[in-house]
Amino acid sequence: MALSRKARRLVAQNLVIAGIFITLLVAWDLIATLRLPLGVAGHEGSTVIVGLNGLRLLREAAWKSTLRGGAV
């Protein structure tokens, strides 16, 4: 249960991070001129950040803290 709660929080964080990046890129494109390579780099950069944030669930500490509270 604890690990699923952590996963849910991380999903929410990832949605917020991705939404902020996309909003900023769209606003930049509408206000000024966003070159395609910069747009692609910004989008891919946000994808990498979201992926790295999700990888936090695979850390050994995340699993140990969930196993302490319940059955193995």
PDB file of N, CA and C in Angstrom:
ATOM      1  N   MET A   1       0.818  -1.194   0.000  1.00  0.00           N
ATOM      2  CA  MET A   1       0.000   0.000   0.000  1.00  0.00           C
ATOM      3  C   MET A   1       0.864   1.260   0.000  1.00  0.00           C
ATOM      4  N   ALA A   2       1.925   1.236   0.787  1.00  0.00           N
ATOM      5  CA  ALA A   2       2.767   2.430   0.883  1.00  0.00           C
ATOM      6  C   ALA A   2       3.452   2.724  -0.445  1.00  0.00           C
ATOM      7  N   LEU A   3       3.900   1.666  -1.110  1.00  0.00           N
ATOM      8  CA  LEU A   3       4.563   1.863  -2.404  1.00  0.00           C
ATOM      9  C   LEU A   3       3.583   2.389  -3.448  1.00  0.00           C
ATOM     10  N   SER A   4       2.349   1.920  -3.405  1.00  0.00           N
ATOM     11  CA  SER A   4       1.357   2.412  -4.362  1.00  0.00           C
ATOM     12  C   SER A   4       1.009   3.875  -4.092  1.00  0.00           C
ATOM     13  N   ARG A   5       1.035   4.274  -2.832  1.00  0.00           N
ATOM     14  CA  ARG A   5       0.796   5.692  -2.510  1.00  0.00           C
ATOM     15  C   ARG A   5       1.940   6.564  -3.031  1.00  0.00           C
ATOM     16  N   LYS A   6       3.170   6.051  -2.874  1.00  0.00           N
ATOM     17  CA  LYS A   6       4.318   6.793  -3.406  1.00  0.00           C
ATOM     18  C   LYS A   6       4.233   6.895  -4.925  1.00  0.00           C
ATOM     19  N   ALA A   7       3.812   5.800  -5.556  1.00  0.00           N
ATOM     20  CA  ALA A   7       3.689   5.799  -7.014  1.00  0.00           C
ATOM     21  C   ALA A   7       2.633   6.800  -7.459  1.00  0.00           C
ATOM     22  N   ARG A   8       1.541   6.862  -6.738  1.00  0.00           N
ATOM     23  CA  ARG A   8       0.472   7.811  -7.092  1.00  0.00           C
ATOM     24  C   ARG A   8       0.965   9.252  -6.970  1.00  0.00           C
ATOM     25  N   ARG A   9       1.719   9.538  -5.900  1.00  0.00           N
ATOM     26  CA  ARG A   9       2.269  10.894  -5.741  1.00  0.00           C
ATOM     27  C   ARG A   9       3.239  11.228  -6.868  1.00  0.00           C
ATOM     28  N   LEU A  10       4.067  10.253  -7.252  1.00  0.00           N
ATOM     29  CA  LEU A  10       5.022  10.490  -8.334  1.00  0.00           C
ATOM     30  C   LEU A  10       4.309  10.714  -9.668  1.00  0.00           C
ATOM     31  N   VAL A  11       3.238   9.988  -9.917  1.00  0.00           N
ATOM     32  CA  VAL A  11       2.472  10.194 -11.146  1.00  0.00           C
ATOM     33  C   VAL A  11       1.904  11.607 -11.171  1.00  0.00           C
ATOM     34  N   ALA A  12       1.368  12.048 -10.039  1.00  0.00           N
ATOM     35  CA  ALA A  12       0.838  13.414  -9.969  1.00  0.00           C
ATOM     36  C   ALA A  12       1.946  14.445 -10.201  1.00  0.00           C
ATOM     37  N   GLN A  13       3.115  14.218  -9.589  1.00  0.00           N
ATOM     38  CA  GLN A  13       4.250  15.123  -9.795  1.00  0.00           C
ATOM     39  C   GLN A  13       4.656  15.153 -11.259  1.00  0.00           C
ATOM     40  N   ASN A  14       4.715  13.981 -11.884  1.00  0.00           N
ATOM     41  CA  ASN A  14       5.122  13.908 -13.282  1.00  0.00           C
ATOM     42  C   ASN A  14       4.129  14.610 -14.197  1.00  0.00           C
ATOM     43  N   LEU A  15       2.845  14.490 -13.893  1.00  0.00           N
ATOM     44  CA  LEU A  15       1.842  15.200 -14.697  1.00  0.00           C
ATOM     45  C   LEU A  15       1.996  16.713 -14.565  1.00  0.00           C
ATOM     46  N   VAL A  16       2.273  17.170 -13.355  1.00  0.00           N
ATOM     47  CA  VAL A  16       2.468  18.616 -13.143  1.00  0.00           C
ATOM     48  C   VAL A  16       3.720  19.099 -13.869  1.00  0.00           C
ATOM     49  N   ILE A  17       4.815  18.348 -13.747  1.00  0.00           N
ATOM     50  CA  ILE A  17       6.062  18.734 -14.412  1.00  0.00           C
ATOM     51  C   ILE A  17       5.865  18.804 -15.922  1.00  0.00           C
ATOM     52  N   ALA A  18       5.262  17.768 -16.485  1.00  0.00           N
ATOM     53  CA  ALA A  18       5.042  17.739 -17.933  1.00  0.00           C
ATOM     54  C   ALA A  18       4.107  18.863 -18.364  1.00  0.00           C
ATOM     55  N   GLY A  19       3.046  19.098 -17.587  1.00  0.00           N
ATOM     56  CA  GLY A  19       2.106  20.172 -17.927  1.00  0.00           C
ATOM     57  C   GLY A  19       2.752  21.544 -17.901  1.00  0.00           C
ATOM     58  N   ILE A  20       3.602  21.783 -16.915  1.00  0.00           N
ATOM     59  CA  ILE A  20       4.289  23.081 -16.822  1.00  0.00           C
ATOM     60  C   ILE A  20       5.214  23.272 -18.019  1.00  0.00           C
ATOM     61  N   PHE A  21       5.979  22.242 -18.354  1.00  0.00           N
ATOM     62  CA  PHE A  21       6.893  22.361 -19.490  1.00  0.00           C
ATOM     63  C   PHE A  21       6.135  22.627 -20.785  1.00  0.00           C
ATOM     64  N   ILE A  22       5.065  21.875 -21.026  1.00  0.00           N
ATOM     65  CA  ILE A  22       4.294  22.043 -22.253  1.00  0.00           C
ATOM     66  C   ILE A  22       3.654  23.429 -22.292  1.00  0.00           C
ATOM     67  N   THR A  23       3.119  23.874 -21.156  1.00  0.00           N
ATOM     68  CA  THR A  23       2.508  25.206 -21.096  1.00  0.00           C
ATOM     69  C   THR A  23       3.532  26.291 -21.396  1.00  0.00           C
ATOM     70  N   LEU A  24       4.715  26.166 -20.809  1.00  0.00           N
ATOM     71  CA  LEU A  24       5.762  27.161 -21.065  1.00  0.00           C
ATOM     72  C   LEU A  24       6.195  27.165 -22.531  1.00  0.00           C
ATOM     73  N   LEU A  25       6.330  25.979 -23.113  1.00  0.00           N
ATOM     74  CA  LEU A  25       6.743  25.909 -24.519  1.00  0.00           C
ATOM     75  C   LEU A  25       5.675  26.481 -25.448  1.00  0.00           C
ATOM     76  N   VAL A  26       4.414  26.190 -25.168  1.00  0.00           N
ATOM     77  CA  VAL A  26       3.330  26.725 -25.997  1.00  0.00           C
ATOM     78  C   VAL A  26       3.246  28.241 -25.837  1.00  0.00           C
ATOM     79  N   ALA A  27       3.373  28.725 -24.600  1.00  0.00           N
ATOM     80  CA  ALA A  27       3.328  30.174 -24.372  1.00  0.00           C
ATOM     81  C   ALA A  27       4.498  30.860 -25.066  1.00  0.00           C
ATOM     82  N   TRP A  28       5.674  30.260 -24.996  1.00  0.00           N
ATOM     83  CA  TRP A  28       6.848  30.826 -25.667  1.00  0.00           C
ATOM     84  C   TRP A  28       6.616  30.895 -27.164  1.00  0.00           C
ATOM     85  N   ASP A  29       6.006  29.863 -27.713  1.00  0.00           N
ATOM     86  CA  ASP A  29       5.748  29.842 -29.150  1.00  0.00           C
ATOM     87  C   ASP A  29       4.708  30.880 -29.547  1.00  0.00           C
ATOM     88  N   LEU A  30       3.707  31.099 -28.709  1.00  0.00           N
ATOM     89  CA  LEU A  30       2.659  32.071 -29.034  1.00  0.00           C
ATOM     90  C   LEU A  30       3.135  33.510 -28.839  1.00  0.00           C
ATOM     91  N   ILE A  31       3.928  33.753 -27.810  1.00  0.00           N
ATOM     92  CA  ILE A  31       4.394  35.111 -27.520  1.00  0.00           C
ATOM     93  C   ILE A  31       5.551  35.501 -28.426  1.00  0.00           C
ATOM     94  N   ALA A  32       6.497  34.613 -28.567  1.00  0.00           N
ATOM     95  CA  ALA A  32       7.683  34.881 -29.384  1.00  0.00           C
ATOM     96  C   ALA A  32       7.802  33.768 -30.424  1.00  0.00           C
ATOM     97  N   THR A  33       8.944  33.660 -30.989  1.00  0.00           N
ATOM     98  CA  THR A  33       9.175  32.615 -31.980  1.00  0.00           C
ATOM     99  C   THR A  33      10.033  31.526 -31.356  1.00  0.00           C
ATOM    100  N   LEU A  34       9.428  30.363 -31.194  1.00  0.00           N
ATOM    101  CA  LEU A  34      10.148  29.211 -30.654  1.00  0.00           C
ATOM    102  C   LEU A  34      10.604  28.368 -31.831  1.00  0.00           C
ATOM    103  N   ARG A  35      11.892  28.261 -31.982  1.00  0.00           N
ATOM    104  CA  ARG A  35      12.444  27.456 -33.075  1.00  0.00           C
ATOM    105  C   ARG A  35      12.172  25.985 -32.800  1.00  0.00           C
ATOM    106  N   LEU A  36      11.976  25.215 -33.853  1.00  0.00           N
ATOM    107  CA  LEU A  36      11.641  23.803 -33.724  1.00  0.00           C
ATOM    108  C   LEU A  36      12.675  23.014 -32.922  1.00  0.00           C
ATOM    109  N   PRO A  37      13.980  23.194 -33.162  1.00  0.00           N
ATOM    110  CA  PRO A  37      14.950  22.432 -32.355  1.00  0.00           C
ATOM    111  C   PRO A  37      14.857  22.735 -30.854  1.00  0.00           C
ATOM    112  N   LEU A  38      14.573  23.998 -30.508  1.00  0.00           N
ATOM    113  CA  LEU A  38      14.414  24.339 -29.095  1.00  0.00           C
ATOM    114  C   LEU A  38      13.152  23.719 -28.513  1.00  0.00           C
ATOM    115  N   GLY A  39      12.088  23.674 -29.291  1.00  0.00           N
ATOM    116  CA  GLY A  39      10.859  23.044 -28.837  1.00  0.00           C
ATOM    117  C   GLY A  39      11.043  21.550 -28.603  1.00  0.00           C
ATOM    118  N   VAL A  40      11.729  20.909 -29.532  1.00  0.00           N
ATOM    119  CA  VAL A  40      12.000  19.476 -29.392  1.00  0.00           C
ATOM    120  C   VAL A  40      12.900  19.233 -28.189  1.00  0.00           C
ATOM    121  N   ALA A  41      13.928  20.039 -28.034  1.00  0.00           N
ATOM    122  CA  ALA A  41      14.846  19.876 -26.897  1.00  0.00           C
ATOM    123  C   ALA A  41      14.108  20.102 -25.571  1.00  0.00           C
ATOM    124  N   GLY A  42      13.236  21.085 -25.524  1.00  0.00           N
ATOM    125  CA  GLY A  42      12.467  21.339 -24.309  1.00  0.00           C
ATOM    126  C   GLY A  42      11.536  20.192 -23.970  1.00  0.00           C
ATOM    127  N   HIS A  43      10.869  19.667 -24.975  1.00  0.00           N
ATOM    128  CA  HIS A  43       9.954  18.555 -24.743  1.00  0.00           C
ATOM    129  C   HIS A  43      10.706  17.300 -24.321  1.00  0.00           C
ATOM    130  N   GLU A  44      11.786  17.001 -25.007  1.00  0.00           N
ATOM    131  CA  GLU A  44      12.565  15.818 -24.654  1.00  0.00           C
ATOM    132  C   GLU A  44      13.234  15.983 -23.296  1.00  0.00           C
ATOM    133  N   GLY A  45      13.646  17.204 -22.983  1.00  0.00           N
ATOM    134  CA  GLY A  45      14.218  17.461 -21.662  1.00  0.00           C
ATOM    135  C   GLY A  45      13.208  17.201 -20.557  1.00  0.00           C
ATOM    136  N   SER A  46      11.962  17.619 -20.774  1.00  0.00           N
ATOM    137  CA  SER A  46      10.933  17.358 -19.770  1.00  0.00           C
ATOM    138  C   SER A  46      10.646  15.867 -19.668  1.00  0.00           C
ATOM    139  N   THR A  47      10.722  15.157 -20.782  1.00  0.00           N
ATOM    140  CA  THR A  47      10.519  13.711 -20.756  1.00  0.00           C
ATOM    141  C   THR A  47      11.603  13.020 -19.939  1.00  0.00           C
ATOM    142  N   VAL A  48      12.835  13.473 -20.082  1.00  0.00           N
ATOM    143  CA  VAL A  48      13.939  12.902 -19.309  1.00  0.00           C
ATOM    144  C   VAL A  48      13.750  13.185 -17.821  1.00  0.00           C
ATOM    145  N   ILE A  49      13.347  14.394 -17.483  1.00  0.00           N
ATOM    146  CA  ILE A  49      13.123  14.752 -16.080  1.00  0.00           C
ATOM    147  C   ILE A  49      12.012  13.899 -15.477  1.00  0.00           C
ATOM    148  N   VAL A  50      10.918  13.721 -16.218  1.00  0.00           N
ATOM    149  CA  VAL A  50       9.808  12.901 -15.742  1.00  0.00           C
ATOM    150  C   VAL A  50      10.254  11.448 -15.567  1.00  0.00           C
ATOM    151  N   GLY A  51      11.046  10.946 -16.514  1.00  0.00           N
ATOM    152  CA  GLY A  51      11.543   9.574 -16.408  1.00  0.00           C
ATOM    153  C   GLY A  51      12.445   9.381 -15.207  1.00  0.00           C
ATOM    154  N   LEU A  52      13.342  10.330 -14.987  1.00  0.00           N
ATOM    155  CA  LEU A  52      14.238  10.240 -13.832  1.00  0.00           C
ATOM    156  C   LEU A  52      13.471  10.353 -12.522  1.00  0.00           C
ATOM    157  N   ASN A  53      12.439  11.176 -12.509  1.00  0.00           N
ATOM    158  CA  ASN A  53      11.607  11.302 -11.316  1.00  0.00           C
ATOM    159  C   ASN A  53      10.899   9.971 -11.031  1.00  0.00           C
ATOM    160  N   GLY A  54      10.419   9.309 -12.065  1.00  0.00           N
ATOM    161  CA  GLY A  54       9.761   8.023 -11.886  1.00  0.00           C
ATOM    162  C   GLY A  54      10.701   6.930 -11.434  1.00  0.00           C
ATOM    163  N   LEU A  55      11.959   7.031 -11.802  1.00  0.00           N
ATOM    164  CA  LEU A  55      12.941   6.021 -11.406  1.00  0.00           C
ATOM    165  C   LEU A  55      13.206   6.024  -9.903  1.00  0.00           C
ATOM    166  N   ARG A  56      12.757   7.071  -9.229  1.00  0.00           N
ATOM    167  CA  ARG A  56      12.946   7.110  -7.776  1.00  0.00           C
ATOM    168  C   ARG A  56      12.229   5.952  -7.090  1.00  0.00           C
ATOM    169  N   LEU A  57      11.195   5.400  -7.726  1.00  0.00           N
ATOM    170  CA  LEU A  57      10.494   4.261  -7.142  1.00  0.00           C
ATOM    171  C   LEU A  57      11.341   2.995  -7.137  1.00  0.00           C
ATOM    172  N   LEU A  58      12.338   2.944  -7.991  1.00  0.00           N
ATOM    173  CA  LEU A  58      13.171   1.751  -8.068  1.00  0.00           C
ATOM    174  C   LEU A  58      14.325   1.755  -7.078  1.00  0.00           C
ATOM    175  N   ARG A  59      14.486   2.863  -6.355  1.00  0.00           N
ATOM    176  CA  ARG A  59      15.552   2.906  -5.356  1.00  0.00           C
ATOM    177  C   ARG A  59      15.290   1.879  -4.267  1.00  0.00           C
ATOM    178  N   GLU A  60      16.346   1.328  -3.736  1.00  0.00           N
ATOM    179  CA  GLU A  60      16.226   0.318  -2.694  1.00  0.00           C
ATOM    180  C   GLU A  60      15.562   0.877  -1.440  1.00  0.00           C
ATOM    181  N   ALA A  61      15.799   2.146  -1.147  1.00  0.00           N
ATOM    182  CA  ALA A  61      15.224   2.753   0.049  1.00  0.00           C
ATOM    183  C   ALA A  61      13.699   2.803  -0.032  1.00  0.00           C
ATOM    184  N   ALA A  62      13.149   3.003  -1.226  1.00  0.00           N
ATOM    185  CA  ALA A  62      11.691   3.047  -1.375  1.00  0.00           C
ATOM    186  C   ALA A  62      11.075   1.698  -1.038  1.00  0.00           C
ATOM    187  N   TRP A  63      11.742   0.624  -1.427  1.00  0.00           N
ATOM    188  CA  TRP A  63      11.218  -0.715  -1.164  1.00  0.00           C
ATOM    189  C   TRP A  63      11.402  -1.097   0.299  1.00  0.00           C
ATOM    190  N   LYS A  64      12.539  -0.719   0.881  1.00  0.00           N
ATOM    191  CA  LYS A  64      12.789  -1.070   2.281  1.00  0.00           C
ATOM    192  C   LYS A  64      11.782  -0.389   3.206  1.00  0.00           C
ATOM    193  N   SER A  65      11.477   0.867   2.928  1.00  0.00           N
ATOM    194  CA  SER A  65      10.551   1.587   3.801  1.00  0.00           C
ATOM    195  C   SER A  65       9.148   1.005   3.714  1.00  0.00           C
ATOM    196  N   THR A  66       8.780   0.433   2.581  1.00  0.00           N
ATOM    197  CA  THR A  66       7.441  -0.157   2.469  1.00  0.00           C
ATOM    198  C   THR A  66       7.391  -1.533   3.101  1.00  0.00           C
ATOM    199  N   LEU A  67       8.503  -2.258   3.100  1.00  0.00           N
ATOM    200  CA  LEU A  67       8.512  -3.596   3.678  1.00  0.00           C
ATOM    201  C   LEU A  67       8.560  -3.564   5.200  1.00  0.00           C
ATOM    202  N   ARG A  68       9.072  -2.486   5.773  1.00  0.00           N
ATOM    203  CA  ARG A  68       9.141  -2.385   7.238  1.00  0.00           C
ATOM    204  C   ARG A  68       7.747  -2.353   7.870  1.00  0.00           C
ATOM    205  N   GLY A  69       6.814  -1.721   7.173  1.00  0.00           N
ATOM    206  CA  GLY A  69       5.492  -1.544   7.766  1.00  0.00           C
ATOM    207  C   GLY A  69       4.559  -2.730   7.587  1.00  0.00           C
ATOM    208  N   GLY A  70       4.851  -3.666   6.692  1.00  0.00           N
ATOM    209  CA  GLY A  70       3.925  -4.765   6.443  1.00  0.00           C
ATOM    210  C   GLY A  70       4.636  -6.092   6.298  1.00  0.00           C
ATOM    211  N   ALA A  71       3.917  -7.038   5.755  1.00  0.00           N
ATOM    212  CA  ALA A  71       4.452  -8.381   5.584  1.00  0.00           C
ATOM    213  C   ALA A  71       5.409  -8.407   4.395  1.00  0.00           C
ATOM    214  N   VAL A  72       6.321  -9.349   4.413  1.00  0.00           N
ATOM    215  CA  VAL A  72       7.310  -9.488   3.353  1.00  0.00           C
ATOM    216  C   VAL A  72       6.714 -10.172   2.222  1.00  0.00           C
TER     217      VAL A  72
END
